[in-house]
Amino acid sequence: MGHELGNDTLLKVSRLGVATRRKYAVPPTRTRTLAFSTHTLQMLESTFLIAFISCLCYLSWQTCSHILQSKLWKSFFTFAKSMPGKLGLKKPQLPIPTAGATSTNRAYPRLACHPFSIKPEYDVVVIGSGYGGGVAASRMVRAGKSVCVLELGKEIWPGEYPHTFKDAMREYSLSGRILGKMISIGKAAGLYHTVKGEGQDVFLGCGLGGTSLINAGVFLKPDERLLEAAEWPEEIRENHAGLEQFYLRAERMLQPTAFPTRYPKPRKLAVFERQADNLGLQENFYRPPLTTTFCSSTNQAGIYMGESTGSGNECTGVNDGSKNSVLVTYLYDAWTRGAELFCGINVRHVKKEDRGKGYIVFYEVSNGRGGKTKKWVRAVSVRFFGYSLH
């Protein structure tokens, strides 16, 4: 029977004398053991409570954990991070919008080649893959030239853009002069890059497709007064009409469409429209054309485009596959015709050959071991480079 007494036994013992009760009494050592066990349970209970609170803190404040750099906080979050798994809890996963390359939801193709497969020589080497570089690559490869496109950023397709503020901050970098000092903060090849300048700042995209990946997608012709500025070449200043043919080419490829009236009117659109009415400027208010697909179809380059979900994430990267960026238009067109595209390439400088028959492009590429390998590639007959601001 040991020291565990049932109700019947306790009833019998209560009817016996003191001497007989002592026979059934629980030894003092057992009493102390039970007291110690109770204390242990209390400690375990408190530990579990602290762990549970830590877990809640982690789940609620995980977006700020990277700011707290002290060892104490690192230990705290490491401990808290391990608790959900021990408690059988799982972090909720945000749904990821997807859009396929075809109507059957097939995965998008990968255009970029391995950076160590760059050939020693090409007819054309294009630096940067935004609107300038993308158009140049498409035009040159259509002219029968061997084309190499060098891009610092990554190849990112719809479904792979950041979904949260925390994810976006991992892709952000800042460089330029602040308070008289040159700074460079963040991921060098991140998707979002702000360049601080004197009098103005520039926000640009770093990826295969350049800033077209994260611009608003508004398709507007420049004001003629802007084209009269002295910085433009004489051919443009004196012949604005000559640009019309190029506007039409871009329009055919990018297929801009105004925001449809069948969609619910966004609140911001309604506010701007009301303000224009109040100011008597109704004739100046209109829905500008956007390089967004509002009806599922195949674009001019042959990529299947999904219908816009109206997320409004054009400036962070649209994950629904509805944006006609340079990646899915000019670059894809160049790739299908034989152009070779490379990502993760940091071009350092360009040198004209002494013989005057080409250029040498010097660049760096990560070697996968934490270091960089310095290499070069030669451009032979066509000396055209699409520059991006970095």
Protein backbone atom coordinates (compact mmCIF):
# COMPACT_ATOMS: atom_id res chain seq x y z
CA MET A 1 0.00 0.00 0.00
CA GLY A 2 3.00 2.28 0.63
CA HIS A 3 2.18 5.80 1.82
CA GLU A 4 -0.79 6.40 -0.47
CA LEU A 5 -3.90 5.91 1.70
CA GLY A 6 -7.34 5.53 0.23
CA ASN A 7 -10.49 7.07 1.72
CA ASP A 8 -11.54 3.77 3.36
CA THR A 9 -8.18 3.33 5.05
CA LEU A 10 -8.18 6.92 6.37
CA LEU A 11 -11.66 6.35 7.80
CA LYS A 12 -10.47 3.23 9.64
CA VAL A 13 -7.38 4.99 10.98
CA SER A 14 -9.45 7.89 12.31
CA ARG A 15 -11.38 5.45 14.51
CA LEU A 16 -8.22 3.95 16.09
CA GLY A 17 -6.24 5.25 19.02
CA VAL A 18 -3.23 7.53 18.87
CA ALA A 19 -0.74 4.67 19.14
CA THR A 20 -2.37 2.82 16.29
CA ARG A 21 -2.57 5.98 14.16
CA ARG A 22 1.19 6.43 14.46
CA LYS A 23 1.56 3.07 12.74
CA TYR A 24 -0.19 4.45 9.66
CA ALA A 25 1.31 7.95 9.89
CA VAL A 26 3.30 9.26 6.89
CA PRO A 27 7.00 9.47 7.78
CA PRO A 28 8.44 13.00 8.21
CA THR A 29 10.92 12.47 5.38
CA ARG A 30 8.05 11.87 2.99
CA THR A 31 6.40 15.06 4.13
CA ARG A 32 9.57 17.02 3.39
CA THR A 33 9.82 15.35 -0.01
CA LEU A 34 6.26 16.36 -0.84
CA ALA A 35 6.98 19.92 0.27
CA PHE A 36 10.04 20.04 -1.97
CA SER A 37 8.06 18.64 -4.88
CA THR A 38 5.41 21.33 -4.43
CA HIS A 39 8.09 24.00 -4.48
CA THR A 40 9.56 22.46 -7.61
CA LEU A 41 6.18 22.49 -9.29
CA GLN A 42 5.78 26.15 -8.39
CA MET A 43 9.15 26.91 -9.94
CA LEU A 44 8.25 24.98 -13.09
CA GLU A 45 4.95 26.80 -13.21
CA SER A 46 6.69 30.17 -12.98
CA THR A 47 9.25 29.15 -15.60
CA PHE A 48 6.52 28.04 -17.96
CA LEU A 49 4.69 31.34 -17.41
CA ILE A 50 7.83 33.35 -18.16
CA ALA A 51 8.50 31.25 -21.25
CA PHE A 52 4.93 31.71 -22.43
CA ILE A 53 5.13 35.49 -21.94
CA SER A 54 8.47 35.50 -23.76
CA CYS A 55 6.86 33.63 -26.61
CA LEU A 56 4.06 36.18 -26.82
CA CYS A 57 6.58 39.01 -26.73
CA TYR A 58 8.51 37.41 -29.56
CA LEU A 59 5.45 36.93 -31.73
CA SER A 60 4.28 40.51 -31.05
CA TRP A 61 7.59 42.34 -31.32
CA GLN A 62 9.63 40.22 -33.73
CA THR A 63 9.81 43.11 -36.20
CA CYS A 64 11.87 45.10 -33.68
CA SER A 65 14.20 42.29 -32.61
CA HIS A 66 16.93 43.27 -35.08
CA ILE A 67 17.22 46.68 -33.38
CA LEU A 68 18.06 45.19 -30.00
CA GLN A 69 21.69 44.19 -30.42
CA SER A 70 22.80 43.53 -26.83
CA LYS A 71 23.73 39.99 -25.79
CA LEU A 72 21.00 40.02 -23.15
CA TRP A 73 18.29 40.76 -25.68
CA LYS A 74 19.79 38.31 -28.17
CA SER A 75 19.65 35.59 -25.53
CA PHE A 76 16.10 36.56 -24.62
CA PHE A 77 14.85 36.39 -28.20
CA THR A 78 16.77 33.17 -28.87
CA PHE A 79 15.04 31.60 -25.87
CA ALA A 80 11.65 33.02 -26.82
CA LYS A 81 12.07 31.95 -30.43
CA SER A 82 12.54 28.35 -29.37
CA MET A 83 9.41 28.27 -27.23
CA PRO A 84 6.71 28.15 -29.95
CA GLY A 85 8.14 24.90 -31.27
CA LYS A 86 8.42 23.41 -27.79
CA LEU A 87 4.84 24.39 -27.03
CA GLY A 88 3.61 23.02 -30.35
CA LEU A 89 2.78 26.50 -31.66
CA LYS A 90 3.40 27.72 -35.20
CA LYS A 91 3.77 31.25 -36.50
CA PRO A 92 0.96 32.20 -38.88
CA GLN A 93 2.18 32.36 -42.47
CA LEU A 94 1.01 35.18 -44.71
CA PRO A 95 -0.57 34.02 -47.95
CA ILE A 96 1.72 34.59 -50.92
CA PRO A 97 0.01 35.78 -54.09
CA THR A 98 1.15 33.82 -57.11
CA ALA A 99 0.86 34.31 -60.81
CA GLY A 100 2.15 31.85 -63.34
CA ALA A 101 3.99 32.40 -66.58
CA THR A 102 1.13 30.76 -68.46
CA SER A 103 -2.56 30.23 -67.95
CA THR A 104 -1.70 26.87 -66.37
CA ASN A 105 0.30 28.63 -63.63
CA ARG A 106 3.65 27.34 -64.83
CA ALA A 107 6.67 28.81 -63.05
CA TYR A 108 8.37 31.85 -64.55
CA PRO A 109 11.59 31.20 -66.49
CA ARG A 110 14.96 32.18 -65.06
CA LEU A 111 16.75 34.51 -67.43
CA ALA A 112 20.07 35.08 -65.64
CA CYS A 113 23.04 32.83 -66.35
CA HIS A 114 25.68 31.86 -63.80
CA PRO A 115 28.05 34.83 -63.34
CA PHE A 116 31.13 32.69 -63.96
CA SER A 117 29.84 31.70 -67.41
CA ILE A 118 30.47 35.14 -68.93
CA LYS A 119 32.38 34.81 -72.18
CA PRO A 120 35.59 36.80 -72.73
CA GLU A 121 34.11 38.82 -75.58
CA TYR A 122 30.77 40.13 -76.93
CA ASP A 123 29.73 42.53 -79.63
CA VAL A 124 27.78 44.55 -77.06
CA VAL A 125 28.09 44.74 -73.28
CA VAL A 126 25.15 46.50 -71.62
CA ILE A 127 25.67 47.78 -68.07
CA GLY A 128 22.41 48.00 -66.14
CA SER A 129 19.07 46.41 -66.99
CA GLY A 130 16.51 49.17 -66.53
CA TYR A 131 14.67 50.98 -69.33
CA GLY A 132 17.93 52.12 -70.98
CA GLY A 133 19.73 48.79 -70.71
CA GLY A 134 16.69 46.65 -71.42
CA VAL A 135 15.77 48.52 -74.60
CA ALA A 136 19.41 48.52 -75.76
CA ALA A 137 19.72 44.75 -75.23
CA SER A 138 16.52 44.07 -77.15
CA ARG A 139 17.47 46.32 -80.07
CA MET A 140 21.06 45.08 -80.36
CA VAL A 141 20.23 41.37 -80.26
CA ARG A 142 17.51 41.93 -82.88
CA ALA A 143 20.24 43.48 -85.04
CA GLY A 144 22.16 40.21 -84.90
CA LYS A 145 24.76 41.22 -82.29
CA SER A 146 26.00 39.04 -79.44
CA VAL A 147 24.79 40.80 -76.29
CA CYS A 148 25.79 40.57 -72.63
CA VAL A 149 23.78 42.37 -69.92
CA LEU A 150 25.45 43.01 -66.54
CA GLU A 151 23.23 43.75 -63.53
CA LEU A 152 24.20 44.28 -59.89
CA GLY A 153 20.87 43.22 -58.40
CA LYS A 154 19.00 39.92 -58.28
CA GLU A 155 16.46 38.35 -60.60
CA ILE A 156 13.09 38.77 -58.88
CA TRP A 157 9.77 37.61 -60.29
CA PRO A 158 6.18 38.17 -59.10
CA GLY A 159 5.56 36.20 -55.93
CA GLU A 160 9.10 36.90 -54.69
CA TYR A 161 8.76 40.59 -53.78
CA PRO A 162 8.63 41.56 -50.09
CA HIS A 163 5.23 41.02 -48.46
CA THR A 164 5.85 42.80 -45.15
CA PHE A 165 7.60 45.95 -43.93
CA LYS A 166 10.23 43.79 -42.23
CA ASP A 167 10.96 41.94 -45.47
CA ALA A 168 11.21 45.24 -47.35
CA MET A 169 13.70 46.69 -44.86
CA ARG A 170 16.02 43.75 -45.49
CA GLU A 171 16.17 44.90 -49.13
CA TYR A 172 16.76 48.61 -48.40
CA SER A 173 20.01 50.54 -48.69
CA LEU A 174 20.96 54.20 -48.32
CA SER A 175 24.02 55.93 -49.69
CA GLY A 176 25.26 59.44 -50.37
CA ARG A 177 26.31 62.49 -48.38
CA ILE A 178 24.53 63.20 -45.10
CA LEU A 179 25.70 65.99 -42.76
CA GLY A 180 28.89 66.33 -44.77
CA LYS A 181 29.84 62.65 -44.60
CA MET A 182 29.62 59.93 -47.23
CA ILE A 183 27.64 56.98 -45.94
CA SER A 184 26.55 53.59 -47.21
CA ILE A 185 24.01 51.67 -45.14
CA GLY A 186 22.15 48.47 -45.84
CA LYS A 187 22.28 45.73 -48.43
CA ALA A 188 24.43 46.88 -51.34
CA ALA A 189 22.46 44.87 -53.91
CA GLY A 190 19.09 45.27 -52.20
CA LEU A 191 15.96 45.93 -54.23
CA TYR A 192 15.36 49.43 -52.81
CA HIS A 193 18.10 52.07 -52.86
CA THR A 194 17.97 55.74 -51.89
CA VAL A 195 20.81 57.97 -53.07
CA LYS A 196 21.19 61.23 -51.11
CA GLY A 197 22.35 64.12 -53.25
CA GLU A 198 22.77 67.87 -53.03
CA GLY A 199 19.38 69.43 -53.61
CA GLN A 200 17.59 66.22 -54.50
CA ASP A 201 17.46 62.53 -53.64
CA VAL A 202 16.93 59.57 -55.97
CA PHE A 203 15.01 56.40 -55.20
CA LEU A 204 15.86 53.55 -57.54
CA GLY A 205 15.46 49.81 -57.92
CA CYS A 206 18.34 47.36 -57.99
CA GLY A 207 17.35 44.17 -59.77
CA LEU A 208 16.99 42.58 -63.18
CA GLY A 209 14.66 45.15 -64.73
CA GLY A 210 15.96 48.14 -62.77
CA THR A 211 13.62 50.73 -61.32
CA SER A 212 10.80 49.48 -63.56
CA LEU A 213 10.31 46.76 -60.92
CA ILE A 214 9.28 49.30 -58.28
CA ASN A 215 8.07 52.44 -60.06
CA ALA A 216 4.43 53.52 -60.16
CA GLY A 217 4.05 52.26 -63.72
CA VAL A 218 2.68 55.58 -65.01
CA PHE A 219 3.11 56.01 -68.78
CA LEU A 220 3.31 59.76 -69.53
CA LYS A 221 5.01 61.70 -72.29
CA PRO A 222 7.33 64.46 -71.04
CA ASP A 223 6.17 68.06 -71.19
CA GLU A 224 7.61 69.83 -74.23
CA ARG A 225 8.88 72.64 -72.01
CA LEU A 226 11.07 70.09 -70.24
CA LEU A 227 12.62 68.99 -73.54
CA GLU A 228 13.73 72.56 -74.23
CA ALA A 229 16.24 72.45 -71.37
CA ALA A 230 19.86 72.98 -72.38
CA GLU A 231 20.88 69.60 -70.96
CA TRP A 232 19.13 67.77 -73.83
CA PRO A 233 20.92 67.12 -77.15
CA GLU A 234 20.20 69.59 -79.93
CA GLU A 235 18.33 66.97 -81.97
CA ILE A 236 15.75 66.61 -79.17
CA ARG A 237 15.49 70.31 -78.29
CA GLU A 238 14.76 71.31 -81.87
CA ASN A 239 12.62 68.37 -82.98
CA HIS A 240 10.15 67.26 -80.33
CA ALA A 241 7.93 65.67 -82.94
CA GLY A 242 10.73 63.31 -83.89
CA LEU A 243 10.24 61.50 -80.58
CA GLU A 244 6.69 60.49 -81.42
CA GLN A 245 7.74 57.34 -83.26
CA PHE A 246 9.69 56.18 -80.22
CA TYR A 247 6.76 56.87 -77.91
CA LEU A 248 4.66 54.61 -80.13
CA ARG A 249 7.28 51.83 -79.99
CA ALA A 250 7.36 51.94 -76.20
CA GLU A 251 3.57 52.04 -76.06
CA ARG A 252 3.28 48.92 -78.22
CA MET A 253 5.61 47.00 -75.92
CA LEU A 254 4.38 48.25 -72.52
CA GLN A 255 0.66 48.36 -73.44
CA PRO A 256 -0.40 51.10 -70.98
CA THR A 257 -4.05 51.14 -69.88
CA ALA A 258 -5.99 53.60 -67.72
CA PHE A 259 -7.45 52.38 -64.44
CA PRO A 260 -10.79 50.79 -65.46
CA THR A 261 -14.07 52.33 -64.37
CA ARG A 262 -15.41 48.83 -63.63
CA TYR A 263 -13.03 48.62 -60.66
CA PRO A 264 -14.09 50.13 -57.31
CA LYS A 265 -12.87 53.72 -57.18
CA PRO A 266 -9.91 54.07 -54.76
CA ARG A 267 -10.43 56.62 -52.01
CA LYS A 268 -7.38 58.62 -53.07
CA LEU A 269 -8.69 58.86 -56.63
CA ALA A 270 -12.03 60.14 -55.37
CA VAL A 271 -10.33 62.75 -53.16
CA PHE A 272 -8.16 64.07 -56.01
CA GLU A 273 -11.15 64.21 -58.33
CA ARG A 274 -13.14 66.20 -55.77
CA GLN A 275 -10.23 68.58 -55.22
CA ALA A 276 -9.95 69.20 -58.97
CA ASP A 277 -13.67 70.01 -59.07
CA ASN A 278 -13.37 72.40 -56.13
CA LEU A 279 -10.48 74.21 -57.84
CA GLY A 280 -12.24 74.40 -61.18
CA LEU A 281 -9.59 72.22 -62.84
CA GLN A 282 -11.81 69.37 -64.01
CA GLU A 283 -10.21 69.41 -67.46
CA ASN A 284 -6.80 68.69 -65.91
CA PHE A 285 -7.99 65.62 -64.04
CA TYR A 286 -7.86 62.26 -65.80
CA ARG A 287 -6.86 58.66 -65.20
CA PRO A 288 -3.32 58.31 -66.58
CA PRO A 289 -2.29 55.19 -68.52
CA LEU A 290 -0.56 52.54 -66.40
CA THR A 291 1.71 49.68 -67.43
CA THR A 292 -0.58 47.35 -65.50
CA THR A 293 -2.68 44.53 -66.92
CA PHE A 294 -6.34 44.74 -65.94
CA CYS A 295 -7.38 41.75 -68.04
CA SER A 296 -5.39 38.51 -68.12
CA SER A 297 -3.54 38.18 -71.42
CA THR A 298 -0.17 37.51 -73.04
CA ASN A 299 2.01 40.60 -73.44
CA GLN A 300 4.03 41.65 -76.49
CA ALA A 301 7.08 39.66 -75.37
CA GLY A 302 5.10 36.44 -74.89
CA ILE A 303 4.76 36.39 -71.08
CA TYR A 304 1.36 35.58 -69.59
CA MET A 305 0.17 38.50 -67.45
CA GLY A 306 -2.35 38.06 -64.68
CA GLU A 307 -5.19 40.47 -63.98
CA SER A 308 -4.39 43.16 -61.42
CA THR A 309 -5.75 42.48 -57.94
CA GLY A 310 -5.65 46.20 -57.12
CA SER A 311 -3.06 45.71 -54.38
CA GLY A 312 -1.46 49.10 -55.03
CA ASN A 313 2.01 47.64 -54.43
CA GLU A 314 3.56 48.88 -57.66
CA CYS A 315 6.24 50.82 -55.76
CA THR A 316 7.35 47.84 -53.67
CA GLY A 317 6.94 45.10 -56.28
CA VAL A 318 3.63 43.67 -57.50
CA ASN A 319 3.24 39.99 -56.65
CA ASP A 320 0.13 39.33 -58.74
CA GLY A 321 2.04 39.28 -62.04
CA SER A 322 0.15 42.17 -63.64
CA LYS A 323 2.93 44.72 -64.17
CA ASN A 324 4.65 45.14 -67.55
CA SER A 325 8.13 45.86 -66.21
CA VAL A 326 11.33 45.77 -68.27
CA LEU A 327 11.94 42.24 -66.97
CA VAL A 328 8.82 40.80 -68.63
CA THR A 329 9.09 42.90 -71.81
CA TYR A 330 12.41 44.10 -73.23
CA LEU A 331 14.69 41.78 -71.24
CA TYR A 332 12.55 38.72 -71.91
CA ASP A 333 12.48 39.66 -75.59
CA ALA A 334 16.28 39.96 -75.62
CA TRP A 335 16.69 36.66 -73.76
CA THR A 336 14.47 34.71 -76.16
CA ARG A 337 16.62 36.00 -79.04
CA GLY A 338 19.94 34.94 -77.55
CA ALA A 339 21.11 37.72 -75.22
CA GLU A 340 22.95 36.55 -72.10
CA LEU A 341 21.93 38.16 -68.80
CA PHE A 342 24.00 38.10 -65.60
CA CYS A 343 23.07 39.20 -62.06
CA GLY A 344 25.29 40.00 -59.07
CA ILE A 345 27.85 41.77 -61.28
CA ASN A 346 29.42 44.90 -59.82
CA VAL A 347 31.00 46.87 -62.69
CA ARG A 348 33.98 48.87 -61.42
CA HIS A 349 35.17 50.77 -64.48
CA VAL A 350 35.34 50.77 -68.27
CA LYS A 351 38.55 51.26 -70.22
CA LYS A 352 38.90 52.04 -73.90
CA GLU A 353 41.40 49.78 -75.63
CA ASP A 354 44.62 51.36 -76.81
CA ARG A 355 43.94 50.19 -80.34
CA GLY A 356 40.63 52.04 -80.25
CA LYS A 357 38.61 49.05 -81.42
CA GLY A 358 36.68 48.21 -78.30
CA TYR A 359 36.25 48.54 -74.56
CA ILE A 360 37.30 46.47 -71.56
CA VAL A 361 34.69 46.25 -68.79
CA PHE A 362 36.16 45.42 -65.37
CA TYR A 363 33.79 43.93 -62.79
CA GLU A 364 33.60 42.04 -59.51
CA VAL A 365 31.51 39.00 -58.68
CA SER A 366 31.04 37.12 -55.40
CA ASN A 367 33.04 33.90 -55.25
CA GLY A 368 30.64 32.24 -52.80
CA ARG A 369 33.23 32.20 -50.01
CA GLY A 370 32.68 35.70 -48.66
CA GLY A 371 35.12 37.28 -51.10
CA LYS A 372 35.00 38.78 -54.57
CA THR A 373 36.65 37.75 -57.81
CA LYS A 374 37.80 40.48 -60.20
CA LYS A 375 37.25 39.79 -63.88
CA TRP A 376 36.80 41.56 -67.19
CA VAL A 377 34.87 41.24 -70.44
CA ARG A 378 35.48 42.87 -73.82
CA ALA A 379 33.00 44.68 -76.05
CA VAL A 380 34.14 44.56 -79.68
CA SER A 381 32.30 46.47 -82.37
CA VAL A 382 29.34 48.15 -80.70
CA ARG A 383 30.24 50.45 -77.83
CA PHE A 384 26.92 51.11 -76.17
CA PHE A 385 26.26 51.06 -72.45
CA GLY A 386 22.98 51.51 -70.61
CA TYR A 387 23.97 53.23 -67.36
CA SER A 388 22.06 53.21 -64.11
CA LEU A 389 22.56 55.62 -61.22
CA HIS A 390 24.53 54.10 -58.30
